[in-house]
Amino acid sequence: MSNKLKAIKFKCYQNMPNYRRPASFDFKETFKLPPYSSVIGMIHKVCNCKNGEYMPMKISIQGISESINTDLYTRYFFTPDKCEGDREYFAILNKNEKRQTGLIRGTGISELLIDVNLLIHIVPENEKLFERIFNGLEKPYVYPALGRHEDILQIKNIRKIELEETNTVNINYDAYIPLEYFREEDNITGTVYLLNKVFDTSSDIRNWKEKVKVKYIKRRVEKIRFTKNVYKDNEENTGVFLA
């Protein structure tokens, strides 16, 4: 008999979010799915966690978006004192940028995903946190957002379910799959990312304590067999890849 695992499943929708990739500034590129740290941070906010409080959890992130677009945004940055009078520095500023006292205002470009539907599974490492996280998602302390502050998250459905352990699953959504589930000989096409996950909440500055190397896989028709067991959501008939 396969093992069962109690989990929180929720489906949610976003209109045009940006899950900014690190090191993208003037042109804000986006991940195709929100990284683990963004989802975990959102859960901490809706549960009204205080500074220094961290709720460890396993998480699986999957979803589908209809398309991708770009949009202009206003950006601000300060003029370094050492650049005062530096003609070469100011020559790179385009005609749309307006200089104010010590401040430069200009434009940048953001990638936006269109009509994103997410499927997220949460397994708290401490079973005592299960009800707290479930209640926080059902009746959030603040409005939930993923990506930018304005990227409001519409939570459509929250359920308590049991995941079934298995080694062969469908992938009906685009998904992050940790590399630990793959064998070296597996020839499965995807994009590899090193995603932030666990962060230190003891100060106002977020310090990363754990990262996860994953492969971003597009949904597919055929089933995939894994050497290391994964879990299956029988309601969705899709794999669940906890990290």
C-alpha atoms as a PDB file:
ATOM      1  CA  MET A   1       0.000   0.000   0.000  1.00  0.00           C
ATOM      2  CA  SER A   2       1.315   3.439  -0.926  1.00  0.00           C
ATOM      3  CA  ASN A   3       1.977   6.022   1.763  1.00  0.00           C
ATOM      4  CA  LYS A   4      -0.379   8.961   2.264  1.00  0.00           C
ATOM      5  CA  LEU A   5       0.602  12.520   3.145  1.00  0.00           C
ATOM      6  CA  LYS A   6      -1.728  15.193   4.499  1.00  0.00           C
ATOM      7  CA  ALA A   7      -1.474  18.470   2.578  1.00  0.00           C
ATOM      8  CA  ILE A   8      -3.102  21.849   1.992  1.00  0.00           C
ATOM      9  CA  LYS A   9      -4.027  22.446  -1.633  1.00  0.00           C
ATOM     10  CA  PHE A  10      -5.113  25.790  -2.996  1.00  0.00           C
ATOM     11  CA  LYS A  11      -5.841  27.094  -6.466  1.00  0.00           C
ATOM     12  CA  CYS A  12      -5.387  30.763  -7.242  1.00  0.00           C
ATOM     13  CA  TYR A  13      -5.448  33.267 -10.086  1.00  0.00           C
ATOM     14  CA  GLN A  14      -3.474  36.379 -11.052  1.00  0.00           C
ATOM     15  CA  ASN A  15      -4.208  38.749 -13.896  1.00  0.00           C
ATOM     16  CA  MET A  16      -0.776  40.105 -14.916  1.00  0.00           C
ATOM     17  CA  PRO A  17       1.951  39.311 -12.360  1.00  0.00           C
ATOM     18  CA  ASN A  18       5.722  39.669 -12.556  1.00  0.00           C
ATOM     19  CA  TYR A  19       7.851  37.215 -10.569  1.00  0.00           C
ATOM     20  CA  ARG A  20      11.088  39.133 -11.004  1.00  0.00           C
ATOM     21  CA  ARG A  21      14.252  37.193 -11.669  1.00  0.00           C
ATOM     22  CA  PRO A  22      17.276  38.330  -9.633  1.00  0.00           C
ATOM     23  CA  ALA A  23      19.752  40.592 -11.442  1.00  0.00           C
ATOM     24  CA  SER A  24      17.090  41.934 -13.823  1.00  0.00           C
ATOM     25  CA  PHE A  25      16.530  45.632 -13.160  1.00  0.00           C
ATOM     26  CA  ASP A  26      15.826  48.007 -16.073  1.00  0.00           C
ATOM     27  CA  PHE A  27      14.205  45.102 -17.919  1.00  0.00           C
ATOM     28  CA  LYS A  28      12.418  43.090 -15.219  1.00  0.00           C
ATOM     29  CA  GLU A  29      12.320  39.522 -16.487  1.00  0.00           C
ATOM     30  CA  THR A  30       9.907  37.119 -14.842  1.00  0.00           C
ATOM     31  CA  PHE A  31      10.010  33.480 -13.843  1.00  0.00           C
ATOM     32  CA  LYS A  32       7.174  31.481 -15.431  1.00  0.00           C
ATOM     33  CA  LEU A  33       6.035  30.442 -11.933  1.00  0.00           C
ATOM     34  CA  PRO A  34       6.513  32.182  -8.578  1.00  0.00           C
ATOM     35  CA  PRO A  35       9.654  30.969  -6.734  1.00  0.00           C
ATOM     36  CA  TYR A  36       9.364  29.111  -3.438  1.00  0.00           C
ATOM     37  CA  SER A  37      10.453  32.114  -1.368  1.00  0.00           C
ATOM     38  CA  SER A  38       7.659  34.305  -2.786  1.00  0.00           C
ATOM     39  CA  VAL A  39       4.940  31.766  -1.961  1.00  0.00           C
ATOM     40  CA  ILE A  40       6.351  31.074   1.520  1.00  0.00           C
ATOM     41  CA  GLY A  41       6.649  34.819   2.170  1.00  0.00           C
ATOM     42  CA  MET A  42       3.017  35.336   1.112  1.00  0.00           C
ATOM     43  CA  ILE A  43       1.890  32.579   3.494  1.00  0.00           C
ATOM     44  CA  HIS A  44       3.766  34.224   6.371  1.00  0.00           C
ATOM     45  CA  LYS A  45       2.029  37.533   5.641  1.00  0.00           C
ATOM     46  CA  VAL A  46      -1.501  36.147   5.483  1.00  0.00           C
ATOM     47  CA  CYS A  47      -0.813  34.265   8.742  1.00  0.00           C
ATOM     48  CA  ASN A  48       0.392  37.494  10.414  1.00  0.00           C
ATOM     49  CA  CYS A  49       3.808  36.102  11.334  1.00  0.00           C
ATOM     50  CA  LYS A  50       6.010  38.494  13.308  1.00  0.00           C
ATOM     51  CA  ASN A  51       9.720  39.249  12.776  1.00  0.00           C
ATOM     52  CA  GLY A  52      11.847  36.281  13.708  1.00  0.00           C
ATOM     53  CA  GLU A  53       9.016  33.774  13.206  1.00  0.00           C
ATOM     54  CA  TYR A  54       9.432  31.189  10.472  1.00  0.00           C
ATOM     55  CA  MET A  55       7.119  28.292   9.595  1.00  0.00           C
ATOM     56  CA  PRO A  56       9.084  25.499   7.864  1.00  0.00           C
ATOM     57  CA  MET A  57       7.173  23.750   5.113  1.00  0.00           C
ATOM     58  CA  LYS A  58       7.453  21.559   2.038  1.00  0.00           C
ATOM     59  CA  ILE A  59       5.940  23.126  -1.037  1.00  0.00           C
ATOM     60  CA  SER A  60       5.003  22.243  -4.632  1.00  0.00           C
ATOM     61  CA  ILE A  61       4.344  24.974  -7.213  1.00  0.00           C
ATOM     62  CA  GLN A  62       2.615  24.389 -10.549  1.00  0.00           C
ATOM     63  CA  GLY A  63       0.576  26.535 -12.908  1.00  0.00           C
ATOM     64  CA  ILE A  64      -0.460  27.617 -16.373  1.00  0.00           C
ATOM     65  CA  SER A  65      -0.332  31.055 -18.004  1.00  0.00           C
ATOM     66  CA  GLU A  66      -1.940  32.070 -21.288  1.00  0.00           C
ATOM     67  CA  SER A  67       0.811  34.311 -22.693  1.00  0.00           C
ATOM     68  CA  ILE A  68       3.497  36.859 -21.832  1.00  0.00           C
ATOM     69  CA  ASN A  69       3.588  40.607 -22.511  1.00  0.00           C
ATOM     70  CA  THR A  70       5.651  43.678 -21.621  1.00  0.00           C
ATOM     71  CA  ASP A  71       4.713  46.936 -19.938  1.00  0.00           C
ATOM     72  CA  LEU A  72       6.425  50.234 -19.104  1.00  0.00           C
ATOM     73  CA  TYR A  73       6.962  51.246 -15.486  1.00  0.00           C
ATOM     74  CA  THR A  74       8.409  54.324 -13.793  1.00  0.00           C
ATOM     75  CA  ARG A  75      11.748  53.816 -12.090  1.00  0.00           C
ATOM     76  CA  TYR A  76      13.630  56.091  -9.703  1.00  0.00           C
ATOM     77  CA  PHE A  77      17.286  56.145  -8.684  1.00  0.00           C
ATOM     78  CA  PHE A  78      19.599  58.631  -6.995  1.00  0.00           C
ATOM     79  CA  THR A  79      22.450  60.415  -8.720  1.00  0.00           C
ATOM     80  CA  PRO A  80      25.806  59.455  -7.160  1.00  0.00           C
ATOM     81  CA  ASP A  81      27.764  62.504  -5.969  1.00  0.00           C
ATOM     82  CA  LYS A  82      30.840  61.331  -7.844  1.00  0.00           C
ATOM     83  CA  CYS A  83      28.929  61.606 -11.103  1.00  0.00           C
ATOM     84  CA  GLU A  84      28.135  65.294 -10.737  1.00  0.00           C
ATOM     85  CA  GLY A  85      29.368  67.014 -13.870  1.00  0.00           C
ATOM     86  CA  ASP A  86      30.214  63.723 -15.554  1.00  0.00           C
ATOM     87  CA  ARG A  87      28.931  64.318 -19.071  1.00  0.00           C
ATOM     88  CA  GLU A  88      29.459  60.716 -20.129  1.00  0.00           C
ATOM     89  CA  TYR A  89      27.264  59.507 -17.247  1.00  0.00           C
ATOM     90  CA  PHE A  90      24.385  61.808 -18.108  1.00  0.00           C
ATOM     91  CA  ALA A  91      24.729  61.063 -21.816  1.00  0.00           C
ATOM     92  CA  ILE A  92      23.400  57.556 -21.220  1.00  0.00           C
ATOM     93  CA  LEU A  93      20.127  58.917 -19.833  1.00  0.00           C
ATOM     94  CA  ASN A  94      17.477  58.899 -22.532  1.00  0.00           C
ATOM     95  CA  LYS A  95      15.212  61.826 -23.358  1.00  0.00           C
ATOM     96  CA  ASN A  96      12.306  60.372 -21.351  1.00  0.00           C
ATOM     97  CA  GLU A  97      14.207  60.690 -18.070  1.00  0.00           C
ATOM     98  CA  LYS A  98      13.705  63.833 -16.007  1.00  0.00           C
ATOM     99  CA  ARG A  99      16.356  64.884 -13.497  1.00  0.00           C
ATOM    100  CA  GLN A 100      15.224  66.222 -10.124  1.00  0.00           C
ATOM    101  CA  THR A 101      17.269  67.224  -7.069  1.00  0.00           C
ATOM    102  CA  GLY A 102      19.547  64.221  -6.612  1.00  0.00           C
ATOM    103  CA  LEU A 103      16.948  61.953  -8.221  1.00  0.00           C
ATOM    104  CA  ILE A 104      16.552  60.481 -11.687  1.00  0.00           C
ATOM    105  CA  ARG A 105      13.111  59.458 -12.912  1.00  0.00           C
ATOM    106  CA  GLY A 106      12.890  57.278 -15.998  1.00  0.00           C
ATOM    107  CA  THR A 107      11.172  54.313 -17.556  1.00  0.00           C
ATOM    108  CA  GLY A 108      11.840  50.602 -17.542  1.00  0.00           C
ATOM    109  CA  ILE A 109      10.160  47.506 -18.967  1.00  0.00           C
ATOM    110  CA  SER A 110       8.531  44.632 -17.058  1.00  0.00           C
ATOM    111  CA  GLU A 111       7.603  41.231 -18.412  1.00  0.00           C
ATOM    112  CA  LEU A 112       4.072  40.310 -17.393  1.00  0.00           C
ATOM    113  CA  LEU A 113       2.456  36.884 -17.439  1.00  0.00           C
ATOM    114  CA  ILE A 114      -1.166  36.924 -18.608  1.00  0.00           C
ATOM    115  CA  ASP A 115      -3.961  35.008 -16.851  1.00  0.00           C
ATOM    116  CA  VAL A 116      -1.964  32.841 -14.455  1.00  0.00           C
ATOM    117  CA  ASN A 117      -3.691  29.906 -12.739  1.00  0.00           C
ATOM    118  CA  LEU A 118      -1.618  28.337  -9.967  1.00  0.00           C
ATOM    119  CA  LEU A 119      -1.882  24.996  -8.190  1.00  0.00           C
ATOM    120  CA  ILE A 120       0.058  24.987  -4.905  1.00  0.00           C
ATOM    121  CA  HIS A 121       0.475  22.250  -2.298  1.00  0.00           C
ATOM    122  CA  ILE A 122       1.761  22.917   1.228  1.00  0.00           C
ATOM    123  CA  VAL A 123       2.943  20.338   3.764  1.00  0.00           C
ATOM    124  CA  PRO A 124       3.959  22.009   7.056  1.00  0.00           C
ATOM    125  CA  GLU A 125       6.955  20.302   8.647  1.00  0.00           C
ATOM    126  CA  ASN A 126       5.331  20.882  12.042  1.00  0.00           C
ATOM    127  CA  GLU A 127       1.836  19.374  12.062  1.00  0.00           C
ATOM    128  CA  LYS A 128       0.755  21.967  14.649  1.00  0.00           C
ATOM    129  CA  LEU A 129       1.066  24.630  11.923  1.00  0.00           C
ATOM    130  CA  PHE A 130      -1.386  22.878   9.590  1.00  0.00           C
ATOM    131  CA  GLU A 131      -4.553  24.579  10.855  1.00  0.00           C
ATOM    132  CA  ARG A 132      -2.835  27.953  11.213  1.00  0.00           C
ATOM    133  CA  ILE A 133      -1.693  27.976   7.587  1.00  0.00           C
ATOM    134  CA  PHE A 134      -5.056  26.682   6.351  1.00  0.00           C
ATOM    135  CA  ASN A 135      -6.949  29.380   8.293  1.00  0.00           C
ATOM    136  CA  GLY A 136      -4.519  32.071   7.144  1.00  0.00           C
ATOM    137  CA  LEU A 137      -5.174  31.223   3.503  1.00  0.00           C
ATOM    138  CA  GLU A 138      -8.929  30.928   4.055  1.00  0.00           C
ATOM    139  CA  LYS A 139      -9.200  34.220   6.008  1.00  0.00           C
ATOM    140  CA  PRO A 140      -6.001  36.172   5.256  1.00  0.00           C
ATOM    141  CA  TYR A 141      -4.732  38.819   7.690  1.00  0.00           C
ATOM    142  CA  VAL A 142      -3.730  41.035   4.720  1.00  0.00           C
ATOM    143  CA  TYR A 143      -4.597  40.807   1.057  1.00  0.00           C
ATOM    144  CA  PRO A 144      -2.473  38.058  -0.559  1.00  0.00           C
ATOM    145  CA  ALA A 145      -0.064  39.086  -3.305  1.00  0.00           C
ATOM    146  CA  LEU A 146       2.607  37.215  -5.259  1.00  0.00           C
ATOM    147  CA  GLY A 147       5.384  38.990  -7.129  1.00  0.00           C
ATOM    148  CA  ARG A 148       4.974  42.758  -6.787  1.00  0.00           C
ATOM    149  CA  HIS A 149       2.853  44.373  -4.073  1.00  0.00           C
ATOM    150  CA  GLU A 150       0.194  45.152  -6.676  1.00  0.00           C
ATOM    151  CA  ASP A 151       0.061  41.563  -7.986  1.00  0.00           C
ATOM    152  CA  ILE A 152      -2.998  40.567  -5.983  1.00  0.00           C
ATOM    153  CA  LEU A 153      -3.664  36.855  -5.611  1.00  0.00           C
ATOM    154  CA  GLN A 154      -7.233  35.628  -5.950  1.00  0.00           C
ATOM    155  CA  ILE A 155      -7.476  32.404  -3.935  1.00  0.00           C
ATOM    156  CA  LYS A 156     -10.277  30.373  -5.478  1.00  0.00           C
ATOM    157  CA  ASN A 157     -10.271  27.116  -3.575  1.00  0.00           C
ATOM    158  CA  ILE A 158      -8.565  25.733  -0.452  1.00  0.00           C
ATOM    159  CA  ARG A 159      -8.796  22.082   0.523  1.00  0.00           C
ATOM    160  CA  LYS A 160      -7.283  19.592   2.942  1.00  0.00           C
ATOM    161  CA  ILE A 161      -6.310  16.520   0.947  1.00  0.00           C
ATOM    162  CA  GLU A 162      -4.205  13.376   1.101  1.00  0.00           C
ATOM    163  CA  LEU A 163      -1.380  12.930  -1.390  1.00  0.00           C
ATOM    164  CA  GLU A 164      -0.566   9.416  -2.571  1.00  0.00           C
ATOM    165  CA  GLU A 165       3.051   8.293  -2.917  1.00  0.00           C
ATOM    166  CA  THR A 166       3.903   6.889  -6.347  1.00  0.00           C
ATOM    167  CA  ASN A 167       6.682   6.810  -8.947  1.00  0.00           C
ATOM    168  CA  THR A 168       4.681   7.409 -12.153  1.00  0.00           C
ATOM    169  CA  VAL A 169       2.613  10.563 -12.663  1.00  0.00           C
ATOM    170  CA  ASN A 170       1.025  12.862 -15.171  1.00  0.00           C
ATOM    171  CA  ILE A 171       2.218  16.461 -15.376  1.00  0.00           C
ATOM    172  CA  ASN A 172      -0.907  18.433 -16.237  1.00  0.00           C
ATOM    173  CA  TYR A 173       0.553  21.813 -15.256  1.00  0.00           C
ATOM    174  CA  ASP A 174       3.873  23.529 -15.814  1.00  0.00           C
ATOM    175  CA  ALA A 175       5.877  22.686 -12.698  1.00  0.00           C
ATOM    176  CA  TYR A 176       9.052  23.166 -10.689  1.00  0.00           C
ATOM    177  CA  ILE A 177      10.582  19.730 -10.075  1.00  0.00           C
ATOM    178  CA  PRO A 178      13.627  19.481  -7.750  1.00  0.00           C
ATOM    179  CA  LEU A 179      16.595  17.891  -9.517  1.00  0.00           C
ATOM    180  CA  GLU A 180      16.862  15.262  -6.773  1.00  0.00           C
ATOM    181  CA  TYR A 181      13.895  13.475  -8.375  1.00  0.00           C
ATOM    182  CA  PHE A 182      15.709  12.946 -11.689  1.00  0.00           C
ATOM    183  CA  ARG A 183      18.290  10.372 -12.689  1.00  0.00           C
ATOM    184  CA  GLU A 184      21.335  11.484 -14.679  1.00  0.00           C
ATOM    185  CA  GLU A 185      20.152   9.403 -17.624  1.00  0.00           C
ATOM    186  CA  ASP A 186      16.667  10.983 -17.648  1.00  0.00           C
ATOM    187  CA  ASN A 187      16.267  12.911 -20.876  1.00  0.00           C
ATOM    188  CA  ILE A 188      13.509  15.308 -19.844  1.00  0.00           C
ATOM    189  CA  THR A 189      13.679  18.774 -21.366  1.00  0.00           C
ATOM    190  CA  GLY A 190      13.391  21.737 -19.032  1.00  0.00           C
ATOM    191  CA  THR A 191      15.082  24.861 -17.708  1.00  0.00           C
ATOM    192  CA  VAL A 192      17.234  24.567 -14.578  1.00  0.00           C
ATOM    193  CA  TYR A 193      16.951  27.280 -11.892  1.00  0.00           C
ATOM    194  CA  LEU A 194      18.473  27.762  -8.468  1.00  0.00           C
ATOM    195  CA  LEU A 195      15.540  29.153  -6.484  1.00  0.00           C
ATOM    196  CA  ASN A 196      15.538  30.807  -3.067  1.00  0.00           C
ATOM    197  CA  LYS A 197      13.445  28.994  -0.488  1.00  0.00           C
ATOM    198  CA  VAL A 198      14.215  29.343   3.244  1.00  0.00           C
ATOM    199  CA  PHE A 199      14.942  32.842   4.553  1.00  0.00           C
ATOM    200  CA  ASP A 200      16.074  34.315   7.865  1.00  0.00           C
ATOM    201  CA  THR A 201      13.384  36.485   9.485  1.00  0.00           C
ATOM    202  CA  SER A 202      15.433  37.763  12.434  1.00  0.00           C
ATOM    203  CA  SER A 203      16.059  41.148  10.768  1.00  0.00           C
ATOM    204  CA  ASP A 204      14.403  43.484   8.273  1.00  0.00           C
ATOM    205  CA  ILE A 205      16.904  42.351   5.626  1.00  0.00           C
ATOM    206  CA  ARG A 206      15.973  38.991   4.161  1.00  0.00           C
ATOM    207  CA  ASN A 207      18.924  36.569   4.173  1.00  0.00           C
ATOM    208  CA  TRP A 208      18.676  33.318   2.252  1.00  0.00           C
ATOM    209  CA  LYS A 209      19.456  30.139   4.201  1.00  0.00           C
ATOM    210  CA  GLU A 210      18.429  27.492   1.674  1.00  0.00           C
ATOM    211  CA  LYS A 211      18.130  27.305  -2.103  1.00  0.00           C
ATOM    212  CA  VAL A 212      16.693  24.547  -4.255  1.00  0.00           C
ATOM    213  CA  LYS A 213      17.929  23.509  -7.681  1.00  0.00           C
ATOM    214  CA  VAL A 214      14.917  22.682  -9.844  1.00  0.00           C
ATOM    215  CA  LYS A 215      13.970  21.953 -13.420  1.00  0.00           C
ATOM    216  CA  TYR A 216      11.043  23.919 -14.845  1.00  0.00           C
ATOM    217  CA  ILE A 217       9.000  21.435 -16.892  1.00  0.00           C
ATOM    218  CA  LYS A 218       6.169  22.220 -19.282  1.00  0.00           C
ATOM    219  CA  ARG A 219       2.969  20.190 -18.979  1.00  0.00           C
ATOM    220  CA  ARG A 220       2.866  17.104 -21.199  1.00  0.00           C
ATOM    221  CA  VAL A 221       0.610  14.303 -22.373  1.00  0.00           C
ATOM    222  CA  GLU A 222       2.756  11.281 -21.508  1.00  0.00           C
ATOM    223  CA  LYS A 223       3.376  10.102 -17.958  1.00  0.00           C
ATOM    224  CA  ILE A 224       6.813  10.373 -16.358  1.00  0.00           C
ATOM    225  CA  ARG A 225       8.392   7.645 -14.266  1.00  0.00           C
ATOM    226  CA  PHE A 226      10.734   8.719 -11.462  1.00  0.00           C
ATOM    227  CA  THR A 227      13.321   6.655  -9.601  1.00  0.00           C
ATOM    228  CA  LYS A 228      12.635   8.497  -6.362  1.00  0.00           C
ATOM    229  CA  ASN A 229       8.998   8.424  -5.343  1.00  0.00           C
ATOM    230  CA  VAL A 230       6.934  11.580  -5.758  1.00  0.00           C
ATOM    231  CA  TYR A 231       3.345  12.266  -4.734  1.00  0.00           C
ATOM    232  CA  LYS A 232       0.123  12.396  -6.696  1.00  0.00           C
ATOM    233  CA  ASP A 233      -2.946  14.603  -6.321  1.00  0.00           C
ATOM    234  CA  ASN A 234      -5.702  12.230  -7.392  1.00  0.00           C
ATOM    235  CA  GLU A 235      -8.267  15.033  -7.698  1.00  0.00           C
ATOM    236  CA  GLU A 236      -6.132  16.789 -10.305  1.00  0.00           C
ATOM    237  CA  ASN A 237      -4.563  13.575 -11.670  1.00  0.00           C
ATOM    238  CA  THR A 238      -1.150  15.251 -11.559  1.00  0.00           C
ATOM    239  CA  GLY A 239       2.182  14.840  -9.770  1.00  0.00           C
ATOM    240  CA  VAL A 240       3.127  16.860  -6.688  1.00  0.00           C
ATOM    241  CA  PHE A 241       6.830  17.670  -6.378  1.00  0.00           C
ATOM    242  CA  LEU A 242       7.596  18.796  -2.847  1.00  0.00           C
ATOM    243  CA  ALA A 243      10.764  20.785  -2.113  1.00  0.00           C
END
